[in-house]
N, C-alpha and C. Protein backbone atom coordinates (compact mmCIF):
# COMPACT_ATOMS: atom_id res chain seq x y z
N MET A 1 0.82 -1.19 0.00
CA MET A 1 0.00 0.00 0.00
C MET A 1 0.87 1.25 0.00
N LYS A 2 1.91 1.26 0.81
CA LYS A 2 2.76 2.46 0.88
C LYS A 2 3.34 2.80 -0.49
N LYS A 3 3.75 1.78 -1.22
CA LYS A 3 4.33 2.02 -2.54
C LYS A 3 3.27 2.59 -3.49
N ALA A 4 2.07 2.02 -3.49
CA ALA A 4 1.00 2.50 -4.36
C ALA A 4 0.62 3.93 -4.01
N ILE A 5 0.54 4.24 -2.73
CA ILE A 5 0.20 5.60 -2.29
C ILE A 5 1.26 6.58 -2.78
N ALA A 6 2.52 6.21 -2.64
CA ALA A 6 3.60 7.08 -3.10
C ALA A 6 3.59 7.23 -4.62
N THR A 7 3.39 6.13 -5.33
CA THR A 7 3.36 6.15 -6.79
C THR A 7 2.24 7.05 -7.31
N LEU A 8 1.09 6.99 -6.66
CA LEU A 8 -0.06 7.79 -7.07
C LEU A 8 0.01 9.23 -6.56
N GLY A 9 0.97 9.52 -5.69
CA GLY A 9 1.11 10.88 -5.17
C GLY A 9 0.01 11.28 -4.22
N ILE A 10 -0.57 10.31 -3.53
CA ILE A 10 -1.67 10.60 -2.60
C ILE A 10 -1.11 11.27 -1.35
N LYS A 11 -1.65 12.43 -1.01
CA LYS A 11 -1.15 13.21 0.12
C LYS A 11 -2.07 13.18 1.33
N TYR A 12 -3.27 12.64 1.16
CA TYR A 12 -4.24 12.60 2.25
C TYR A 12 -4.15 11.26 2.99
N PRO A 13 -4.69 11.19 4.20
CA PRO A 13 -4.65 9.93 4.96
C PRO A 13 -5.42 8.82 4.25
N VAL A 14 -4.89 7.63 4.30
CA VAL A 14 -5.53 6.45 3.73
C VAL A 14 -5.71 5.44 4.86
N ALA A 15 -6.94 5.05 5.10
CA ALA A 15 -7.24 4.09 6.18
C ALA A 15 -7.19 2.67 5.63
N ILE A 16 -6.46 1.81 6.29
CA ILE A 16 -6.42 0.39 5.97
C ILE A 16 -7.06 -0.32 7.17
N ASP A 17 -8.16 -1.01 6.92
CA ASP A 17 -8.96 -1.56 8.01
C ASP A 17 -9.07 -3.08 7.90
N ASN A 18 -7.93 -3.76 7.83
CA ASN A 18 -7.93 -5.21 7.65
C ASN A 18 -8.63 -5.95 8.79
N GLU A 19 -8.65 -5.38 9.96
CA GLU A 19 -9.27 -6.05 11.12
C GLU A 19 -10.69 -5.53 11.39
N TYR A 20 -11.22 -4.70 10.50
CA TYR A 20 -12.60 -4.20 10.58
C TYR A 20 -12.88 -3.35 11.82
N ARG A 21 -11.88 -2.74 12.38
CA ARG A 21 -12.10 -1.89 13.56
C ARG A 21 -12.92 -0.65 13.21
N ILE A 22 -12.59 0.00 12.10
CA ILE A 22 -13.34 1.19 11.68
C ILE A 22 -14.75 0.76 11.27
N TRP A 23 -14.85 -0.32 10.53
CA TRP A 23 -16.14 -0.85 10.09
C TRP A 23 -17.06 -1.04 11.29
N ARG A 24 -16.55 -1.68 12.35
CA ARG A 24 -17.36 -1.93 13.54
C ARG A 24 -17.64 -0.65 14.32
N ALA A 25 -16.68 0.27 14.37
CA ALA A 25 -16.89 1.53 15.10
C ALA A 25 -18.04 2.33 14.50
N PHE A 26 -18.20 2.27 13.17
CA PHE A 26 -19.29 2.95 12.49
C PHE A 26 -20.57 2.12 12.49
N GLU A 27 -20.50 0.91 13.05
CA GLU A 27 -21.62 -0.03 13.00
C GLU A 27 -22.11 -0.21 11.57
N ASN A 28 -21.15 -0.31 10.67
CA ASN A 28 -21.44 -0.38 9.25
C ASN A 28 -22.05 -1.73 8.89
N GLU A 29 -23.07 -1.71 8.06
CA GLU A 29 -23.72 -2.92 7.58
C GLU A 29 -23.76 -2.99 6.06
N TYR A 30 -23.09 -2.05 5.38
CA TYR A 30 -23.23 -1.93 3.94
C TYR A 30 -21.87 -1.96 3.26
N TRP A 31 -21.87 -2.44 2.01
CA TRP A 31 -20.68 -2.41 1.19
C TRP A 31 -21.10 -2.07 -0.24
N PRO A 32 -20.51 -1.08 -0.85
CA PRO A 32 -19.59 -0.14 -0.23
C PRO A 32 -20.33 0.90 0.61
N ALA A 33 -19.61 1.49 1.52
CA ALA A 33 -20.14 2.58 2.33
C ALA A 33 -19.15 3.73 2.26
N HIS A 34 -19.63 4.90 1.89
CA HIS A 34 -18.78 6.10 1.78
C HIS A 34 -19.18 7.07 2.87
N TYR A 35 -18.23 7.43 3.69
CA TYR A 35 -18.44 8.43 4.74
C TYR A 35 -17.53 9.61 4.43
N CYS A 36 -18.10 10.79 4.26
CA CYS A 36 -17.32 11.99 4.02
C CYS A 36 -17.23 12.74 5.35
N ILE A 37 -16.01 12.91 5.83
CA ILE A 37 -15.76 13.51 7.13
C ILE A 37 -15.03 14.83 6.92
N ASP A 38 -15.52 15.88 7.57
CA ASP A 38 -14.92 17.21 7.37
C ASP A 38 -13.64 17.37 8.17
N ALA A 39 -13.01 18.51 8.02
CA ALA A 39 -11.73 18.79 8.67
C ALA A 39 -11.83 18.81 10.19
N LYS A 40 -13.04 18.94 10.71
CA LYS A 40 -13.25 18.93 12.17
C LYS A 40 -13.61 17.55 12.69
N GLY A 41 -13.67 16.56 11.80
CA GLY A 41 -13.95 15.20 12.21
C GLY A 41 -15.41 14.83 12.26
N MET A 42 -16.27 15.67 11.69
CA MET A 42 -17.71 15.41 11.69
C MET A 42 -18.12 14.73 10.38
N ILE A 43 -18.98 13.73 10.47
CA ILE A 43 -19.51 13.10 9.26
C ILE A 43 -20.49 14.08 8.63
N ARG A 44 -20.19 14.48 7.40
CA ARG A 44 -21.03 15.46 6.71
C ARG A 44 -21.88 14.84 5.61
N HIS A 45 -21.54 13.62 5.21
CA HIS A 45 -22.29 12.96 4.14
C HIS A 45 -21.98 11.47 4.20
N HIS A 46 -22.96 10.67 3.87
CA HIS A 46 -22.70 9.24 3.71
C HIS A 46 -23.55 8.71 2.56
N HIS A 47 -23.06 7.65 1.98
CA HIS A 47 -23.80 6.99 0.90
C HIS A 47 -23.50 5.50 0.99
N PHE A 48 -24.56 4.70 0.92
CA PHE A 48 -24.41 3.26 0.97
C PHE A 48 -24.74 2.66 -0.38
N GLY A 49 -23.91 1.75 -0.85
CA GLY A 49 -24.12 1.08 -2.12
C GLY A 49 -23.43 1.79 -3.27
N GLU A 50 -23.62 1.24 -4.44
CA GLU A 50 -23.02 1.81 -5.65
C GLU A 50 -23.83 3.03 -6.11
N GLY A 51 -23.22 3.83 -6.97
CA GLY A 51 -23.91 4.95 -7.59
C GLY A 51 -23.79 6.25 -6.83
N ASP A 52 -24.47 7.27 -7.35
CA ASP A 52 -24.48 8.62 -6.79
C ASP A 52 -23.08 9.23 -6.72
N TYR A 53 -22.25 8.87 -7.69
CA TYR A 53 -20.86 9.31 -7.68
C TYR A 53 -20.72 10.82 -7.88
N ASP A 54 -21.60 11.41 -8.69
CA ASP A 54 -21.53 12.86 -8.90
C ASP A 54 -21.79 13.61 -7.59
N GLU A 55 -22.76 13.16 -6.82
CA GLU A 55 -23.05 13.80 -5.53
C GLU A 55 -21.88 13.62 -4.57
N SER A 56 -21.30 12.43 -4.52
CA SER A 56 -20.14 12.20 -3.65
C SER A 56 -18.99 13.12 -4.03
N GLU A 57 -18.74 13.26 -5.33
CA GLU A 57 -17.66 14.14 -5.80
C GLU A 57 -17.94 15.59 -5.41
N ARG A 58 -19.19 16.03 -5.55
CA ARG A 58 -19.56 17.39 -5.18
C ARG A 58 -19.31 17.62 -3.69
N VAL A 59 -19.70 16.67 -2.86
CA VAL A 59 -19.50 16.80 -1.41
C VAL A 59 -18.02 16.84 -1.08
N ILE A 60 -17.23 15.96 -1.68
CA ILE A 60 -15.79 15.95 -1.41
C ILE A 60 -15.16 17.28 -1.78
N GLN A 61 -15.50 17.80 -2.96
CA GLN A 61 -14.93 19.07 -3.38
C GLN A 61 -15.34 20.21 -2.44
N LYS A 62 -16.59 20.21 -2.00
CA LYS A 62 -17.05 21.24 -1.08
C LYS A 62 -16.31 21.15 0.25
N LEU A 63 -16.12 19.94 0.76
CA LEU A 63 -15.40 19.77 2.02
C LEU A 63 -13.95 20.22 1.89
N LEU A 64 -13.34 19.97 0.74
CA LEU A 64 -11.97 20.43 0.52
C LEU A 64 -11.90 21.95 0.50
N VAL A 65 -12.85 22.58 -0.17
CA VAL A 65 -12.89 24.05 -0.20
C VAL A 65 -13.12 24.59 1.21
N ASP A 66 -14.08 23.99 1.93
CA ASP A 66 -14.36 24.43 3.30
C ASP A 66 -13.13 24.31 4.19
N ALA A 67 -12.28 23.31 3.90
CA ALA A 67 -11.08 23.08 4.71
C ALA A 67 -9.92 23.96 4.26
N GLY A 68 -10.12 24.74 3.18
CA GLY A 68 -9.08 25.68 2.75
C GLY A 68 -8.25 25.21 1.58
N ASP A 69 -8.69 24.20 0.85
CA ASP A 69 -7.96 23.72 -0.31
C ASP A 69 -8.21 24.65 -1.49
N SER A 70 -7.25 25.47 -1.80
CA SER A 70 -7.41 26.45 -2.89
C SER A 70 -7.25 25.81 -4.26
N MET A 71 -6.81 24.56 -4.34
CA MET A 71 -6.62 23.91 -5.62
C MET A 71 -7.89 23.24 -6.13
N CYS A 72 -8.90 23.17 -5.30
CA CYS A 72 -10.14 22.50 -5.67
C CYS A 72 -10.87 23.33 -6.72
N ARG A 73 -11.51 22.64 -7.66
CA ARG A 73 -12.21 23.31 -8.75
C ARG A 73 -13.53 23.88 -8.25
N ARG A 74 -13.56 25.15 -7.94
CA ARG A 74 -14.78 25.78 -7.45
C ARG A 74 -15.86 25.81 -8.52
N THR A 75 -15.49 25.78 -9.76
CA THR A 75 -16.48 25.89 -10.84
C THR A 75 -17.44 24.71 -10.86
N SER A 76 -17.04 23.57 -10.30
CA SER A 76 -17.92 22.41 -10.35
C SER A 76 -18.89 22.35 -9.17
N LEU A 77 -18.77 23.30 -8.25
CA LEU A 77 -19.66 23.33 -7.10
C LEU A 77 -20.89 24.16 -7.39
N PRO A 78 -22.03 23.77 -6.78
CA PRO A 78 -23.25 24.57 -7.01
C PRO A 78 -23.17 25.93 -6.35
């Protein structure tokens, strides 16, 4: 994982949950489950199952802007 993260240039935290600790902490019952957490650690959006990718992308970009990411494409936000 470390090599892939470095190769892809990923700068944000990546959670590896092989023992399902995060899964259980969220009392998750769905796969896939997307939880969007803001810079203050609050869950601001969640989506269970496939689909709704445009909405997830919009939420992620908004959270990045809210957190001060000036590189985020503001034009794609409502």
